[in-house]
């Protein structure tokens, strides 16, 4: 076991935890067809990017440019206000 394997497992576990809390089937039932990834973690970490794309592959996954996580929170807030 080396540091790369530990980091890979940590990244995979992080995204798996998100997937367990919000499975793609649940999101589809709620009418969500797209995931917009914002924030430096997803932009600077290709392992996280690949895991999100792999685990949410049945949804449209868009890595939202170079915006920060506050932009994603604002988008979520705006969408929540409309529903």
PDB file of N, CA and C in Angstrom:
ATOM      1  N   UNK A   1       0.851  -1.175   0.000  1.00  0.00           N
ATOM      2  CA  UNK A   1       0.000   0.000   0.000  1.00  0.00           C
ATOM      3  C   UNK A   1       0.895   1.236   0.000  1.00  0.00           C
ATOM      4  N   UNK A   2       0.564   2.155  -0.874  1.00  0.00           N
ATOM      5  CA  UNK A   2       1.321   3.395  -0.926  1.00  0.00           C
ATOM      6  C   UNK A   2       0.371   4.584  -0.830  1.00  0.00           C
ATOM      7  N   UNK A   3       0.928   5.778  -0.813  1.00  0.00           N
ATOM      8  CA  UNK A   3       0.132   6.994  -0.633  1.00  0.00           C
ATOM      9  C   UNK A   3      -0.882   7.176  -1.766  1.00  0.00           C
ATOM     10  N   UNK A   4      -0.491   6.835  -2.989  1.00  0.00           N
ATOM     11  CA  UNK A   4      -1.413   6.968  -4.125  1.00  0.00           C
ATOM     12  C   UNK A   4      -2.640   6.085  -3.940  1.00  0.00           C
ATOM     13  N   UNK A   5      -2.446   4.868  -3.510  1.00  0.00           N
ATOM     14  CA  UNK A   5      -3.574   3.956  -3.294  1.00  0.00           C
ATOM     15  C   UNK A   5      -4.484   4.457  -2.180  1.00  0.00           C
ATOM     16  N   UNK A   6      -3.913   5.006  -1.127  1.00  0.00           N
ATOM     17  CA  UNK A   6      -4.710   5.547  -0.025  1.00  0.00           C
ATOM     18  C   UNK A   6      -5.525   6.744  -0.510  1.00  0.00           C
ATOM     19  N   UNK A   7      -4.884   7.636  -1.276  1.00  0.00           N
ATOM     20  CA  UNK A   7      -5.582   8.815  -1.784  1.00  0.00           C
ATOM     21  C   UNK A   7      -6.688   8.413  -2.755  1.00  0.00           C
ATOM     22  N   UNK A   8      -6.422   7.442  -3.619  1.00  0.00           N
ATOM     23  CA  UNK A   8      -7.426   6.941  -4.550  1.00  0.00           C
ATOM     24  C   UNK A   8      -8.631   6.373  -3.792  1.00  0.00           C
ATOM     25  N   UNK A   9      -8.376   5.588  -2.764  1.00  0.00           N
ATOM     26  CA  UNK A   9      -9.456   5.015  -1.962  1.00  0.00           C
ATOM     27  C   UNK A   9     -10.246   6.104  -1.233  1.00  0.00           C
ATOM     28  N   UNK A  10      -9.567   7.124  -0.747  1.00  0.00           N
ATOM     29  CA  UNK A  10     -10.237   8.237  -0.067  1.00  0.00           C
ATOM     30  C   UNK A  10     -11.166   8.973  -1.031  1.00  0.00           C
ATOM     31  N   UNK A  11     -10.675   9.276  -2.228  1.00  0.00           N
ATOM     32  CA  UNK A  11     -11.491   9.973  -3.228  1.00  0.00           C
ATOM     33  C   UNK A  11     -12.690   9.124  -3.641  1.00  0.00           C
ATOM     34  N   UNK A  12     -12.450   7.851  -3.894  1.00  0.00           N
ATOM     35  CA  UNK A  12     -13.525   6.950  -4.280  1.00  0.00           C
ATOM     36  C   UNK A  12     -14.566   6.859  -3.161  1.00  0.00           C
ATOM     37  N   UNK A  13     -14.113   6.751  -1.921  1.00  0.00           N
ATOM     38  CA  UNK A  13     -15.026   6.658  -0.791  1.00  0.00           C
ATOM     39  C   UNK A  13     -15.856   7.912  -0.606  1.00  0.00           C
ATOM     40  N   UNK A  14     -15.257   9.072  -0.843  1.00  0.00           N
ATOM     41  CA  UNK A  14     -15.976  10.338  -0.737  1.00  0.00           C
ATOM     42  C   UNK A  14     -17.141  10.386  -1.723  1.00  0.00           C
ATOM     43  N   UNK A  15     -16.869  10.031  -2.972  1.00  0.00           N
ATOM     44  CA  UNK A  15     -17.924  10.068  -3.986  1.00  0.00           C
ATOM     45  C   UNK A  15     -18.937   8.949  -3.756  1.00  0.00           C
ATOM     46  N   UNK A  16     -18.482   7.787  -3.315  1.00  0.00           N
ATOM     47  CA  UNK A  16     -19.423   6.707  -2.979  1.00  0.00           C
ATOM     48  C   UNK A  16     -20.374   7.127  -1.872  1.00  0.00           C
ATOM     49  N   UNK A  17     -19.872   7.863  -0.886  1.00  0.00           N
ATOM     50  CA  UNK A  17     -20.718   8.351   0.193  1.00  0.00           C
ATOM     51  C   UNK A  17     -21.795   9.291  -0.354  1.00  0.00           C
ATOM     52  N   UNK A  18     -21.419  10.194  -1.253  1.00  0.00           N
ATOM     53  CA  UNK A  18     -22.399  11.074  -1.896  1.00  0.00           C
ATOM     54  C   UNK A  18     -23.424  10.263  -2.690  1.00  0.00           C
ATOM     55  N   UNK A  19     -22.939   9.254  -3.385  1.00  0.00           N
ATOM     56  CA  UNK A  19     -23.830   8.410  -4.187  1.00  0.00           C
ATOM     57  C   UNK A  19     -24.796   7.631  -3.295  1.00  0.00           C
ATOM     58  N   UNK A  20     -24.335   7.204  -2.136  1.00  0.00           N
ATOM     59  CA  UNK A  20     -25.226   6.504  -1.202  1.00  0.00           C
ATOM     60  C   UNK A  20     -26.298   7.442  -0.647  1.00  0.00           C
ATOM     61  N   UNK A  21     -25.931   8.699  -0.398  1.00  0.00           N
ATOM     62  CA  UNK A  21     -26.899   9.662   0.133  1.00  0.00           C
ATOM     63  C   UNK A  21     -27.869  10.140  -0.938  1.00  0.00           C
ATOM     64  N   UNK A  22     -27.380  10.271  -2.181  1.00  0.00           N
ATOM     65  CA  UNK A  22     -28.209  10.747  -3.294  1.00  0.00           C
ATOM     66  C   UNK A  22     -27.968   9.857  -4.513  1.00  0.00           C
ATOM     67  N   UNK A  23     -28.554   8.662  -4.524  1.00  0.00           N
ATOM     68  CA  UNK A  23     -28.341   7.763  -5.661  1.00  0.00           C
ATOM     69  C   UNK A  23     -28.900   8.361  -6.953  1.00  0.00           C
ATOM     70  N   UNK A  24     -28.310   7.998  -8.085  1.00  0.00           N
ATOM     71  CA  UNK A  24     -28.803   8.506  -9.365  1.00  0.00           C
ATOM     72  C   UNK A  24     -30.293   8.234  -9.581  1.00  0.00           C
ATOM     73  N   UNK A  25     -30.776   7.090  -9.131  1.00  0.00           N
ATOM     74  CA  UNK A  25     -32.206   6.785  -9.305  1.00  0.00           C
ATOM     75  C   UNK A  25     -33.074   7.766  -8.522  1.00  0.00           C
ATOM     76  N   UNK A  26     -32.658   8.135  -7.322  1.00  0.00           N
ATOM     77  CA  UNK A  26     -33.389   9.117  -6.521  1.00  0.00           C
ATOM     78  C   UNK A  26     -33.420  10.468  -7.227  1.00  0.00           C
ATOM     79  N   UNK A  27     -32.263  10.884  -7.735  1.00  0.00           N
ATOM     80  CA  UNK A  27     -32.195  12.167  -8.427  1.00  0.00           C
ATOM     81  C   UNK A  27     -33.094  12.175  -9.659  1.00  0.00           C
ATOM     82  N   UNK A  28     -33.092  11.079 -10.405  1.00  0.00           N
ATOM     83  CA  UNK A  28     -33.951  10.994 -11.593  1.00  0.00           C
ATOM     84  C   UNK A  28     -35.428  11.069 -11.202  1.00  0.00           C
ATOM     85  N   UNK A  29     -35.805  10.408 -10.106  1.00  0.00           N
ATOM     86  CA  UNK A  29     -37.196  10.462  -9.645  1.00  0.00           C
ATOM     87  C   UNK A  29     -37.611  11.878  -9.287  1.00  0.00           C
ATOM     88  N   UNK A  30     -36.673  12.680  -8.835  1.00  0.00           N
ATOM     89  CA  UNK A  30     -36.951  14.078  -8.468  1.00  0.00           C
ATOM     90  C   UNK A  30     -36.847  15.018  -9.661  1.00  0.00           C
ATOM     91  N   UNK A  31     -36.627  14.463 -10.852  1.00  0.00           N
ATOM     92  CA  UNK A  31     -36.561  15.277 -12.058  1.00  0.00           C
ATOM     93  C   UNK A  31     -35.205  15.909 -12.320  1.00  0.00           C
ATOM     94  N   UNK A  32     -34.179  15.422 -11.634  1.00  0.00           N
ATOM     95  CA  UNK A  32     -32.832  15.951 -11.831  1.00  0.00           C
ATOM     96  C   UNK A  32     -32.130  15.080 -12.862  1.00  0.00           C
ATOM     97  N   UNK A  33     -31.697  15.697 -13.932  1.00  0.00           N
ATOM     98  CA  UNK A  33     -31.041  14.954 -14.999  1.00  0.00           C
ATOM     99  C   UNK A  33     -29.602  15.381 -15.232  1.00  0.00           C
ATOM    100  N   UNK A  34     -29.143  16.372 -14.442  1.00  0.00           N
ATOM    101  CA  UNK A  34     -27.808  16.912 -14.678  1.00  0.00           C
ATOM    102  C   UNK A  34     -27.128  17.246 -13.357  1.00  0.00           C
ATOM    103  N   UNK A  35     -25.857  16.926 -13.282  1.00  0.00           N
ATOM    104  CA  UNK A  35     -25.042  17.309 -12.135  1.00  0.00           C
ATOM    105  C   UNK A  35     -24.025  18.314 -12.629  1.00  0.00           C
ATOM    106  N   UNK A  36     -23.977  19.463 -11.971  1.00  0.00           N
ATOM    107  CA  UNK A  36     -23.003  20.504 -12.295  1.00  0.00           C
ATOM    108  C   UNK A  36     -21.976  20.536 -11.175  1.00  0.00           C
ATOM    109  N   UNK A  37     -20.767  20.137 -11.492  1.00  0.00           N
ATOM    110  CA  UNK A  37     -19.699  20.111 -10.494  1.00  0.00           C
ATOM    111  C   UNK A  37     -18.996  21.445 -10.425  1.00  0.00           C
ATOM    112  N   UNK A  38     -19.005  22.076  -9.247  1.00  0.00           N
ATOM    113  CA  UNK A  38     -18.308  23.347  -9.056  1.00  0.00           C
ATOM    114  C   UNK A  38     -17.371  23.207  -7.863  1.00  0.00           C
ATOM    115  N   UNK A  39     -16.425  24.090  -7.781  1.00  0.00           N
ATOM    116  CA  UNK A  39     -15.505  24.105  -6.653  1.00  0.00           C
ATOM    117  C   UNK A  39     -14.142  23.566  -7.031  1.00  0.00           C
ATOM    118  N   UNK A  40     -13.164  23.960  -6.240  1.00  0.00           N
ATOM    119  CA  UNK A  40     -11.785  23.609  -6.563  1.00  0.00           C
ATOM    120  C   UNK A  40     -11.491  22.124  -6.404  1.00  0.00           C
ATOM    121  N   UNK A  41     -12.192  21.444  -5.500  1.00  0.00           N
ATOM    122  CA  UNK A  41     -11.920  20.017  -5.312  1.00  0.00           C
ATOM    123  C   UNK A  41     -12.162  19.249  -6.601  1.00  0.00           C
ATOM    124  N   UNK A  42     -13.275  19.496  -7.241  1.00  0.00           N
ATOM    125  CA  UNK A  42     -13.582  18.742  -8.455  1.00  0.00           C
ATOM    126  C   UNK A  42     -12.746  19.226  -9.644  1.00  0.00           C
ATOM    127  N   UNK A  43     -12.349  20.490  -9.646  1.00  0.00           N
ATOM    128  CA  UNK A  43     -11.575  21.011 -10.770  1.00  0.00           C
ATOM    129  C   UNK A  43     -10.101  20.649 -10.694  1.00  0.00           C
ATOM    130  N   UNK A  44      -9.585  20.506  -9.492  1.00  0.00           N
ATOM    131  CA  UNK A  44      -8.159  20.228  -9.335  1.00  0.00           C
ATOM    132  C   UNK A  44      -7.856  18.745  -9.136  1.00  0.00           C
ATOM    133  N   UNK A  45      -8.896  17.924  -9.072  1.00  0.00           N
ATOM    134  CA  UNK A  45      -8.667  16.513  -8.758  1.00  0.00           C
ATOM    135  C   UNK A  45      -9.293  15.616  -9.825  1.00  0.00           C
ATOM    136  N   UNK A  46      -8.485  15.130 -10.754  1.00  0.00           N
ATOM    137  CA  UNK A  46      -9.025  14.270 -11.811  1.00  0.00           C
ATOM    138  C   UNK A  46      -9.585  12.945 -11.296  1.00  0.00           C
ATOM    139  N   UNK A  47      -9.113  12.484 -10.149  1.00  0.00           N
ATOM    140  CA  UNK A  47      -9.646  11.243  -9.574  1.00  0.00           C
ATOM    141  C   UNK A  47     -11.098  11.461  -9.157  1.00  0.00           C
ATOM    142  N   UNK A  48     -11.387  12.570  -8.475  1.00  0.00           N
ATOM    143  CA  UNK A  48     -12.762  12.900  -8.084  1.00  0.00           C
ATOM    144  C   UNK A  48     -13.618  13.068  -9.340  1.00  0.00           C
ATOM    145  N   UNK A  49     -13.096  13.767 -10.338  1.00  0.00           N
ATOM    146  CA  UNK A  49     -13.844  13.956 -11.592  1.00  0.00           C
ATOM    147  C   UNK A  49     -14.247  12.617 -12.183  1.00  0.00           C
ATOM    148  N   UNK A  50     -13.300  11.713 -12.296  1.00  0.00           N
ATOM    149  CA  UNK A  50     -13.588  10.399 -12.877  1.00  0.00           C
ATOM    150  C   UNK A  50     -14.587   9.611 -12.047  1.00  0.00           C
ATOM    151  N   UNK A  51     -14.465   9.695 -10.733  1.00  0.00           N
ATOM    152  CA  UNK A  51     -15.397   8.969  -9.866  1.00  0.00           C
ATOM    153  C   UNK A  51     -16.816   9.515  -9.993  1.00  0.00           C
ATOM    154  N   UNK A  52     -16.965  10.837 -10.048  1.00  0.00           N
ATOM    155  CA  UNK A  52     -18.300  11.431 -10.212  1.00  0.00           C
ATOM    156  C   UNK A  52     -18.897  10.991 -11.545  1.00  0.00           C
ATOM    157  N   UNK A  53     -18.104  11.053 -12.595  1.00  0.00           N
ATOM    158  CA  UNK A  53     -18.593  10.649 -13.917  1.00  0.00           C
ATOM    159  C   UNK A  53     -18.948   9.166 -13.920  1.00  0.00           C
ATOM    160  N   UNK A  54     -18.139   8.343 -13.296  1.00  0.00           N
ATOM    161  CA  UNK A  54     -18.398   6.900 -13.251  1.00  0.00           C
ATOM    162  C   UNK A  54     -19.645   6.576 -12.434  1.00  0.00           C
ATOM    163  N   UNK A  55     -19.742   7.147 -11.238  1.00  0.00           N
ATOM    164  CA  UNK A  55     -20.830   6.776 -10.337  1.00  0.00           C
ATOM    165  C   UNK A  55     -22.155   7.445 -10.682  1.00  0.00           C
ATOM    166  N   UNK A  56     -22.106   8.579 -11.376  1.00  0.00           N
ATOM    167  CA  UNK A  56     -23.328   9.255 -11.804  1.00  0.00           C
ATOM    168  C   UNK A  56     -23.439   9.247 -13.324  1.00  0.00           C
ATOM    169  N   UNK A  57     -22.881   8.215 -13.955  1.00  0.00           N
ATOM    170  CA  UNK A  57     -22.807   8.136 -15.402  1.00  0.00           C
ATOM    171  C   UNK A  57     -24.142   8.145 -16.123  1.00  0.00           C
ATOM    172  N   UNK A  58     -25.210   7.743 -15.445  1.00  0.00           N
ATOM    173  CA  UNK A  58     -26.522   7.735 -16.104  1.00  0.00           C
ATOM    174  C   UNK A  58     -27.132   9.141 -16.153  1.00  0.00           C
ATOM    175  N   UNK A  59     -26.511  10.096 -15.475  1.00  0.00           N
ATOM    176  CA  UNK A  59     -26.947  11.498 -15.523  1.00  0.00           C
ATOM    177  C   UNK A  59     -25.944  12.298 -16.354  1.00  0.00           C
ATOM    178  N   UNK A  60     -26.364  13.436 -16.824  1.00  0.00           N
ATOM    179  CA  UNK A  60     -25.460  14.339 -17.523  1.00  0.00           C
ATOM    180  C   UNK A  60     -24.581  15.016 -16.474  1.00  0.00           C
ATOM    181  N   UNK A  61     -23.276  14.815 -16.560  1.00  0.00           N
ATOM    182  CA  UNK A  61     -22.338  15.401 -15.603  1.00  0.00           C
ATOM    183  C   UNK A  61     -21.553  16.494 -16.321  1.00  0.00           C
ATOM    184  N   UNK A  62     -21.628  17.706 -15.779  1.00  0.00           N
ATOM    185  CA  UNK A  62     -20.902  18.839 -16.353  1.00  0.00           C
ATOM    186  C   UNK A  62     -20.009  19.433 -15.281  1.00  0.00           C
ATOM    187  N   UNK A  63     -18.738  19.544 -15.605  1.00  0.00           N
ATOM    188  CA  UNK A  63     -17.801  20.165 -14.683  1.00  0.00           C
ATOM    189  C   UNK A  63     -17.779  21.637 -15.019  1.00  0.00           C
ATOM    190  N   UNK A  64     -18.377  22.458 -14.161  1.00  0.00           N
ATOM    191  CA  UNK A  64     -18.743  23.839 -14.449  1.00  0.00           C
ATOM    192  C   UNK A  64     -17.642  24.861 -14.508  1.00  0.00           C
ATOM    193  N   UNK A  65     -16.730  24.708 -15.422  1.00  0.00           N
ATOM    194  CA  UNK A  65     -15.712  25.731 -15.598  1.00  0.00           C
ATOM    195  C   UNK A  65     -14.816  25.846 -14.385  1.00  0.00           C
ATOM    196  N   UNK A  66     -14.403  27.051 -14.069  1.00  0.00           N
ATOM    197  CA  UNK A  66     -13.505  27.268 -12.935  1.00  0.00           C
ATOM    198  C   UNK A  66     -14.193  28.065 -11.831  1.00  0.00           C
ATOM    199  N   UNK A  67     -15.467  27.814 -11.635  1.00  0.00           N
ATOM    200  CA  UNK A  67     -16.199  28.522 -10.594  1.00  0.00           C
ATOM    201  C   UNK A  67     -15.912  27.895  -9.233  1.00  0.00           C
ATOM    202  N   UNK A  68     -16.162  28.658  -8.188  1.00  0.00           N
ATOM    203  CA  UNK A  68     -15.938  28.120  -6.858  1.00  0.00           C
ATOM    204  C   UNK A  68     -17.217  27.503  -6.307  1.00  0.00           C
ATOM    205  N   UNK A  69     -17.107  26.910  -5.144  1.00  0.00           N
ATOM    206  CA  UNK A  69     -18.241  26.209  -4.563  1.00  0.00           C
ATOM    207  C   UNK A  69     -19.385  27.148  -4.197  1.00  0.00           C
ATOM    208  N   UNK A  70     -19.091  28.418  -3.935  1.00  0.00           N
ATOM    209  CA  UNK A  70     -20.153  29.381  -3.628  1.00  0.00           C
ATOM    210  C   UNK A  70     -21.095  29.545  -4.825  1.00  0.00           C
ATOM    211  N   UNK A  71     -20.558  29.460  -6.019  1.00  0.00           N
ATOM    212  CA  UNK A  71     -21.379  29.532  -7.226  1.00  0.00           C
ATOM    213  C   UNK A  71     -22.360  28.355  -7.257  1.00  0.00           C
ATOM    214  N   UNK A  72     -21.876  27.162  -6.945  1.00  0.00           N
ATOM    215  CA  UNK A  72     -22.750  25.993  -6.897  1.00  0.00           C
ATOM    216  C   UNK A  72     -23.826  26.125  -5.835  1.00  0.00           C
ATOM    217  N   UNK A  73     -23.466  26.674  -4.683  1.00  0.00           N
ATOM    218  CA  UNK A  73     -24.445  26.877  -3.612  1.00  0.00           C
ATOM    219  C   UNK A  73     -25.510  27.877  -4.044  1.00  0.00           C
ATOM    220  N   UNK A  74     -25.095  28.920  -4.753  1.00  0.00           N
ATOM    221  CA  UNK A  74     -26.063  29.921  -5.246  1.00  0.00           C
ATOM    222  C   UNK A  74     -27.006  29.309  -6.274  1.00  0.00           C
ATOM    223  N   UNK A  75     -26.480  28.473  -7.164  1.00  0.00           N
ATOM    224  CA  UNK A  75     -27.334  27.798  -8.140  1.00  0.00           C
ATOM    225  C   UNK A  75     -28.353  26.899  -7.452  1.00  0.00           C
ATOM    226  N   UNK A  76     -27.909  26.171  -6.431  1.00  0.00           N
ATOM    227  CA  UNK A  76     -28.801  25.293  -5.688  1.00  0.00           C
ATOM    228  C   UNK A  76     -29.888  26.103  -4.996  1.00  0.00           C
ATOM    229  N   UNK A  77     -29.500  27.206  -4.379  1.00  0.00           N
ATOM    230  CA  UNK A  77     -30.456  28.060  -3.686  1.00  0.00           C
ATOM    231  C   UNK A  77     -31.512  28.605  -4.639  1.00  0.00           C
ATOM    232  N   UNK A  78     -31.070  29.027  -5.813  1.00  0.00           N
ATOM    233  CA  UNK A  78     -31.993  29.556  -6.820  1.00  0.00           C
ATOM    234  C   UNK A  78     -32.968  28.467  -7.273  1.00  0.00           C
ATOM    235  N   UNK A  79     -32.454  27.263  -7.495  1.00  0.00           N
ATOM    236  CA  UNK A  79     -33.317  26.157  -7.927  1.00  0.00           C
ATOM    237  C   UNK A  79     -34.303  25.773  -6.835  1.00  0.00           C
ATOM    238  N   UNK A  80     -33.851  25.791  -5.573  1.00  0.00           N
ATOM    239  CA  UNK A  80     -34.729  25.446  -4.465  1.00  0.00           C
ATOM    240  C   UNK A  80     -35.851  26.460  -4.313  1.00  0.00           C
ATOM    241  N   UNK A  81     -35.565  27.723  -4.579  1.00  0.00           N
ATOM    242  CA  UNK A  81     -36.590  28.762  -4.479  1.00  0.00           C
ATOM    243  C   UNK A  81     -37.682  28.586  -5.534  1.00  0.00           C
ATOM    244  N   UNK A  82     -37.317  28.041  -6.675  1.00  0.00           N
ATOM    245  CA  UNK A  82     -38.280  27.853  -7.769  1.00  0.00           C
ATOM    246  C   UNK A  82     -39.201  26.662  -7.526  1.00  0.00           C
ATOM    247  N   UNK A  83     -38.791  25.728  -6.678  1.00  0.00           N
ATOM    248  CA  UNK A  83     -39.637  24.532  -6.476  1.00  0.00           C
ATOM    249  C   UNK A  83     -40.584  24.662  -5.322  1.00  0.00           C
TER     250      UNK A  83
END
